[in-house]
Amino acid sequence: MKKVIEFRLATHTLSDEPMVEVWRDDTFVASIYGHHEGVLLLSKFLDGFTYEAGRPTAVIIKLSEG
């Protein structure tokens, strides 16, 4: 069965800053925040990344199964 990735808008409970929650099926897997240098992705499931060829340059962030 294919894993479904869902993005939910949220507010950080400590800082009240906007964030995006990343869910795979019913499991919370990552948080995405704005950062002074770009975008911050925080997850205990990070499993590496690859660059996708083309213009503009893209990054594929891999999340482990748990």
PDB file of N, CA and C in Angstrom:
ATOM      1  N   MET A   1       0.833  -1.177   0.000  1.00  0.00           N
ATOM      2  CA  MET A   1       0.000   0.000   0.000  1.00  0.00           C
ATOM      3  C   MET A   1       0.885   1.250   0.000  1.00  0.00           C
ATOM      4  N   LYS A   2       0.547   2.221  -0.833  1.00  0.00           N
ATOM      5  CA  LYS A   2       1.331   3.444  -0.956  1.00  0.00           C
ATOM      6  C   LYS A   2       1.148   4.328   0.273  1.00  0.00           C
ATOM      7  N   LYS A   3       2.266   4.862   0.794  1.00  0.00           N
ATOM      8  CA  LYS A   3       2.230   5.780   1.935  1.00  0.00           C
ATOM      9  C   LYS A   3       1.748   7.145   1.457  1.00  0.00           C
ATOM     10  N   VAL A   4       0.849   7.759   2.220  1.00  0.00           N
ATOM     11  CA  VAL A   4       0.291   9.061   1.871  1.00  0.00           C
ATOM     12  C   VAL A   4       0.951  10.128   2.734  1.00  0.00           C
ATOM     13  N   ILE A   5       1.537  11.141   2.076  1.00  0.00           N
ATOM     14  CA  ILE A   5       2.130  12.276   2.777  1.00  0.00           C
ATOM     15  C   ILE A   5       1.092  13.395   2.822  1.00  0.00           C
ATOM     16  N   GLU A   6       0.892  13.951   4.015  1.00  0.00           N
ATOM     17  CA  GLU A   6      -0.074  15.034   4.207  1.00  0.00           C
ATOM     18  C   GLU A   6       0.628  16.195   4.917  1.00  0.00           C
ATOM     19  N   PHE A   7       0.320  17.421   4.505  1.00  0.00           N
ATOM     20  CA  PHE A   7       0.869  18.623   5.124  1.00  0.00           C
ATOM     21  C   PHE A   7      -0.263  19.350   5.852  1.00  0.00           C
ATOM     22  N   ARG A   8      -0.001  19.732   7.107  1.00  0.00           N
ATOM     23  CA  ARG A   8      -1.008  20.443   7.904  1.00  0.00           C
ATOM     24  C   ARG A   8      -0.399  21.726   8.450  1.00  0.00           C
ATOM     25  N   LEU A   9      -1.118  22.832   8.286  1.00  0.00           N
ATOM     26  CA  LEU A   9      -0.671  24.084   8.878  1.00  0.00           C
ATOM     27  C   LEU A   9      -0.886  24.035  10.378  1.00  0.00           C
ATOM     28  N   ALA A  10       0.076  24.568  11.131  1.00  0.00           N
ATOM     29  CA  ALA A  10      -0.014  24.536  12.589  1.00  0.00           C
ATOM     30  C   ALA A  10       0.733  25.738  13.156  1.00  0.00           C
ATOM     31  N   THR A  11       0.683  25.869  14.468  1.00  0.00           N
ATOM     32  CA  THR A  11       1.423  26.894  15.198  1.00  0.00           C
ATOM     33  C   THR A  11       2.262  26.199  16.253  1.00  0.00           C
ATOM     34  N   HIS A  12       3.549  26.561  16.320  1.00  0.00           N
ATOM     35  CA  HIS A  12       4.447  25.962  17.303  1.00  0.00           C
ATOM     36  C   HIS A  12       3.930  26.285  18.705  1.00  0.00           C
ATOM     37  N   THR A  13       3.869  25.294  19.566  1.00  0.00           N
ATOM     38  CA  THR A  13       3.271  25.474  20.895  1.00  0.00           C
ATOM     39  C   THR A  13       4.094  26.367  21.812  1.00  0.00           C
ATOM     40  N   LEU A  14       5.405  26.447  21.626  1.00  0.00           N
ATOM     41  CA  LEU A  14       6.251  27.273  22.496  1.00  0.00           C
ATOM     42  C   LEU A  14       6.471  28.683  21.954  1.00  0.00           C
ATOM     43  N   SER A  15       6.691  28.806  20.648  1.00  0.00           N
ATOM     44  CA  SER A  15       7.046  30.107  20.072  1.00  0.00           C
ATOM     45  C   SER A  15       5.879  30.822  19.390  1.00  0.00           C
ATOM     46  N   ASP A  16       4.774  30.131  19.193  1.00  0.00           N
ATOM     47  CA  ASP A  16       3.627  30.670  18.450  1.00  0.00           C
ATOM     48  C   ASP A  16       3.952  31.007  16.994  1.00  0.00           C
ATOM     49  N   GLU A  17       5.064  30.495  16.463  1.00  0.00           N
ATOM     50  CA  GLU A  17       5.440  30.717  15.073  1.00  0.00           C
ATOM     51  C   GLU A  17       4.675  29.738  14.175  1.00  0.00           C
ATOM     52  N   PRO A  18       4.337  30.179  12.948  1.00  0.00           N
ATOM     53  CA  PRO A  18       3.673  29.246  12.021  1.00  0.00           C
ATOM     54  C   PRO A  18       4.625  28.134  11.601  1.00  0.00           C
ATOM     55  N   MET A  19       4.070  26.971  11.343  1.00  0.00           N
ATOM     56  CA  MET A  19       4.858  25.819  10.911  1.00  0.00           C
ATOM     57  C   MET A  19       3.977  24.911  10.070  1.00  0.00           C
ATOM     58  N   VAL A  20       4.599  23.946   9.434  1.00  0.00           N
ATOM     59  CA  VAL A  20       3.879  22.920   8.682  1.00  0.00           C
ATOM     60  C   VAL A  20       4.234  21.583   9.306  1.00  0.00           C
ATOM     61  N   GLU A  21       3.222  20.790   9.624  1.00  0.00           N
ATOM     62  CA  GLU A  21       3.441  19.421  10.110  1.00  0.00           C
ATOM     63  C   GLU A  21       3.380  18.485   8.909  1.00  0.00           C
ATOM     64  N   VAL A  22       4.272  17.496   8.889  1.00  0.00           N
ATOM     65  CA  VAL A  22       4.286  16.487   7.838  1.00  0.00           C
ATOM     66  C   VAL A  22       3.847  15.172   8.449  1.00  0.00           C
ATOM     67  N   TRP A  23       2.811  14.569   7.871  1.00  0.00           N
ATOM     68  CA  TRP A  23       2.262  13.300   8.357  1.00  0.00           C
ATOM     69  C   TRP A  23       2.354  12.266   7.252  1.00  0.00           C
ATOM     70  N   ARG A  24       2.717  11.041   7.592  1.00  0.00           N
ATOM     71  CA  ARG A  24       2.689   9.913   6.659  1.00  0.00           C
ATOM     72  C   ARG A  24       1.674   8.945   7.215  1.00  0.00           C
ATOM     73  N   ASP A  25       0.588   8.764   6.482  1.00  0.00           N
ATOM     74  CA  ASP A  25      -0.581   8.036   6.966  1.00  0.00           C
ATOM     75  C   ASP A  25      -1.001   8.697   8.289  1.00  0.00           C
ATOM     76  N   ASP A  26      -1.025   8.025   9.403  1.00  0.00           N
ATOM     77  CA  ASP A  26      -1.433   8.646  10.668  1.00  0.00           C
ATOM     78  C   ASP A  26      -0.258   8.908  11.604  1.00  0.00           C
ATOM     79  N   THR A  27       0.977   8.951  11.049  1.00  0.00           N
ATOM     80  CA  THR A  27       2.167   9.141  11.863  1.00  0.00           C
ATOM     81  C   THR A  27       2.791  10.502  11.579  1.00  0.00           C
ATOM     82  N   PHE A  28       3.018  11.292  12.639  1.00  0.00           N
ATOM     83  CA  PHE A  28       3.705  12.566  12.512  1.00  0.00           C
ATOM     84  C   PHE A  28       5.176  12.295  12.233  1.00  0.00           C
ATOM     85  N   VAL A  29       5.733  12.857  11.133  1.00  0.00           N
ATOM     86  CA  VAL A  29       7.111  12.538  10.765  1.00  0.00           C
ATOM     87  C   VAL A  29       8.047  13.738  10.707  1.00  0.00           C
ATOM     88  N   ALA A  30       7.531  14.979  10.623  1.00  0.00           N
ATOM     89  CA  ALA A  30       8.438  16.124  10.516  1.00  0.00           C
ATOM     90  C   ALA A  30       7.706  17.438  10.751  1.00  0.00           C
ATOM     91  N   SER A  31       8.512  18.452  11.074  1.00  0.00           N
ATOM     92  CA  SER A  31       8.042  19.834  11.174  1.00  0.00           C
ATOM     93  C   SER A  31       8.860  20.680  10.208  1.00  0.00           C
ATOM     94  N   ILE A  32       8.202  21.637   9.562  1.00  0.00           N
ATOM     95  CA  ILE A  32       8.890  22.555   8.661  1.00  0.00           C
ATOM     96  C   ILE A  32       8.662  23.970   9.178  1.00  0.00           C
ATOM     97  N   TYR A  33       9.768  24.704   9.354  1.00  0.00           N
ATOM     98  CA  TYR A  33       9.723  26.061   9.890  1.00  0.00           C
ATOM     99  C   TYR A  33      10.441  27.014   8.948  1.00  0.00           C
ATOM    100  N   GLY A  34      10.075  28.277   8.998  1.00  0.00           N
ATOM    101  CA  GLY A  34      10.876  29.309   8.361  1.00  0.00           C
ATOM    102  C   GLY A  34      12.139  29.496   9.183  1.00  0.00           C
ATOM    103  N   HIS A  35      13.235  29.857   8.532  1.00  0.00           N
ATOM    104  CA  HIS A  35      14.536  30.024   9.195  1.00  0.00           C
ATOM    105  C   HIS A  35      15.218  31.233   8.572  1.00  0.00           C
ATOM    106  N   HIS A  36      16.036  31.944   9.324  1.00  0.00           N
ATOM    107  CA  HIS A  36      16.669  33.150   8.786  1.00  0.00           C
ATOM    108  C   HIS A  36      17.570  32.855   7.582  1.00  0.00           C
ATOM    109  N   GLU A  37      17.980  31.623   7.388  1.00  0.00           N
ATOM    110  CA  GLU A  37      18.785  31.246   6.225  1.00  0.00           C
ATOM    111  C   GLU A  37      17.988  30.481   5.181  1.00  0.00           C
ATOM    112  N   GLY A  38      16.715  30.239   5.423  1.00  0.00           N
ATOM    113  CA  GLY A  38      15.901  29.497   4.457  1.00  0.00           C
ATOM    114  C   GLY A  38      14.773  28.750   5.128  1.00  0.00           C
ATOM    115  N   VAL A  39      14.795  27.424   5.002  1.00  0.00           N
ATOM    116  CA  VAL A  39      13.745  26.564   5.542  1.00  0.00           C
ATOM    117  C   VAL A  39      14.398  25.502   6.429  1.00  0.00           C
ATOM    118  N   LEU A  40      13.806  25.246   7.591  1.00  0.00           N
ATOM    119  CA  LEU A  40      14.312  24.242   8.528  1.00  0.00           C
ATOM    120  C   LEU A  40      13.324  23.079   8.562  1.00  0.00           C
ATOM    121  N   LEU A  41      13.811  21.864   8.305  1.00  0.00           N
ATOM    122  CA  LEU A  41      12.998  20.659   8.423  1.00  0.00           C
ATOM    123  C   LEU A  41      13.555  19.865   9.588  1.00  0.00           C
ATOM    124  N   LEU A  42      12.705  19.555  10.557  1.00  0.00           N
ATOM    125  CA  LEU A  42      13.117  18.861  11.773  1.00  0.00           C
ATOM    126  C   LEU A  42      12.385  17.526  11.855  1.00  0.00           C
ATOM    127  N   SER A  43      13.150  16.425  11.998  1.00  0.00           N
ATOM    128  CA  SER A  43      12.526  15.110  12.064  1.00  0.00           C
ATOM    129  C   SER A  43      13.490  14.075  12.627  1.00  0.00           C
ATOM    130  N   LYS A  44      12.973  13.175  13.451  1.00  0.00           N
ATOM    131  CA  LYS A  44      13.786  12.043  13.898  1.00  0.00           C
ATOM    132  C   LYS A  44      13.832  10.965  12.823  1.00  0.00           C
ATOM    133  N   PHE A  45      13.092  11.141  11.740  1.00  0.00           N
ATOM    134  CA  PHE A  45      13.034  10.162  10.653  1.00  0.00           C
ATOM    135  C   PHE A  45      13.919  10.533   9.462  1.00  0.00           C
ATOM    136  N   LEU A  46      14.712  11.614   9.557  1.00  0.00           N
ATOM    137  CA  LEU A  46      15.552  12.017   8.428  1.00  0.00           C
ATOM    138  C   LEU A  46      16.486  10.879   8.034  1.00  0.00           C
ATOM    139  N   ASP A  47      16.533  10.607   6.736  1.00  0.00           N
ATOM    140  CA  ASP A  47      17.327   9.485   6.243  1.00  0.00           C
ATOM    141  C   ASP A  47      18.170   9.899   5.037  1.00  0.00           C
ATOM    142  N   GLY A  48      18.453  11.192   4.890  1.00  0.00           N
ATOM    143  CA  GLY A  48      19.279  11.677   3.789  1.00  0.00           C
ATOM    144  C   GLY A  48      18.486  12.491   2.785  1.00  0.00           C
ATOM    145  N   PHE A  49      19.189  12.940   1.754  1.00  0.00           N
ATOM    146  CA  PHE A  49      18.543  13.714   0.707  1.00  0.00           C
ATOM    147  C   PHE A  49      19.318  13.547  -0.588  1.00  0.00           C
ATOM    148  N   THR A  50      18.656  13.870  -1.692  1.00  0.00           N
ATOM    149  CA  THR A  50      19.293  13.856  -3.002  1.00  0.00           C
ATOM    150  C   THR A  50      18.854  15.108  -3.749  1.00  0.00           C
ATOM    151  N   TYR A  51      19.698  15.523  -4.692  1.00  0.00           N
ATOM    152  CA  TYR A  51      19.333  16.635  -5.564  1.00  0.00           C
ATOM    153  C   TYR A  51      18.656  16.084  -6.796  1.00  0.00           C
ATOM    154  N   GLU A  52      17.626  16.768  -7.235  1.00  0.00           N
ATOM    155  CA  GLU A  52      16.934  16.381  -8.453  1.00  0.00           C
ATOM    156  C   GLU A  52      17.416  17.291  -9.576  1.00  0.00           C
ATOM    157  N   ALA A  53      17.856  16.690 -10.659  1.00  0.00           N
ATOM    158  CA  ALA A  53      18.379  17.471 -11.782  1.00  0.00           C
ATOM    159  C   ALA A  53      17.285  18.322 -12.411  1.00  0.00           C
ATOM    160  N   GLY A  54      17.687  19.426 -12.958  1.00  0.00           N
ATOM    161  CA  GLY A  54      16.734  20.282 -13.649  1.00  0.00           C
ATOM    162  C   GLY A  54      16.817  21.707 -13.155  1.00  0.00           C
ATOM    163  N   ARG A  55      16.011  22.549 -13.744  1.00  0.00           N
ATOM    164  CA  ARG A  55      15.939  23.940 -13.327  1.00  0.00           C
ATOM    165  C   ARG A  55      14.513  24.223 -12.960  1.00  0.00           C
ATOM    166  N   PRO A  56      14.222  24.747 -11.830  1.00  0.00           N
ATOM    167  CA  PRO A  56      15.172  25.070 -10.776  1.00  0.00           C
ATOM    168  C   PRO A  56      15.619  23.803 -10.031  1.00  0.00           C
ATOM    169  N   THR A  57      16.726  23.930  -9.340  1.00  0.00           N
ATOM    170  CA  THR A  57      17.260  22.823  -8.557  1.00  0.00           C
ATOM    171  C   THR A  57      16.253  22.443  -7.454  1.00  0.00           C
ATOM    172  N   ALA A  58      16.082  21.167  -7.219  1.00  0.00           N
ATOM    173  CA  ALA A  58      15.161  20.691  -6.193  1.00  0.00           C
ATOM    174  C   ALA A  58      15.894  19.693  -5.299  1.00  0.00           C
ATOM    175  N   VAL A  59      15.392  19.539  -4.083  1.00  0.00           N
ATOM    176  CA  VAL A  59      15.954  18.582  -3.136  1.00  0.00           C
ATOM    177  C   VAL A  59      14.858  17.615  -2.725  1.00  0.00           C
ATOM    178  N   ILE A  60      15.153  16.338  -2.737  1.00  0.00           N
ATOM    179  CA  ILE A  60      14.244  15.309  -2.239  1.00  0.00           C
ATOM    180  C   ILE A  60      14.742  14.897  -0.867  1.00  0.00           C
ATOM    181  N   ILE A  61      13.919  15.087   0.165  1.00  0.00           N
ATOM    182  CA  ILE A  61      14.293  14.733   1.532  1.00  0.00           C
ATOM    183  C   ILE A  61      13.694  13.374   1.835  1.00  0.00           C
ATOM    184  N   LYS A  62      14.540  12.431   2.224  1.00  0.00           N
ATOM    185  CA  LYS A  62      14.079  11.061   2.488  1.00  0.00           C
ATOM    186  C   LYS A  62      13.779  10.899   3.971  1.00  0.00           C
ATOM    187  N   LEU A  63      12.635  10.306   4.270  1.00  0.00           N
ATOM    188  CA  LEU A  63      12.234  10.022   5.652  1.00  0.00           C
ATOM    189  C   LEU A  63      12.150   8.521   5.816  1.00  0.00           C
ATOM    190  N   SER A  64      12.779   8.001   6.881  1.00  0.00           N
ATOM    191  CA  SER A  64      12.784   6.555   7.116  1.00  0.00           C
ATOM    192  C   SER A  64      11.389   6.080   7.511  1.00  0.00           C
ATOM    193  N   GLU A  65      11.224   4.792   7.541  1.00  0.00           N
ATOM    194  CA  GLU A  65       9.935   4.192   7.908  1.00  0.00           C
ATOM    195  C   GLU A  65       9.687   4.220   9.398  1.00  0.00           C
ATOM    196  N   GLY A  66      10.662   4.540  10.186  1.00  0.00           N
ATOM    197  CA  GLY A  66      10.429   4.617  11.627  1.00  0.00           C
ATOM    198  C   GLY A  66      11.469   3.905  12.353  1.00  0.00           C
TER     199      GLY A  66
END
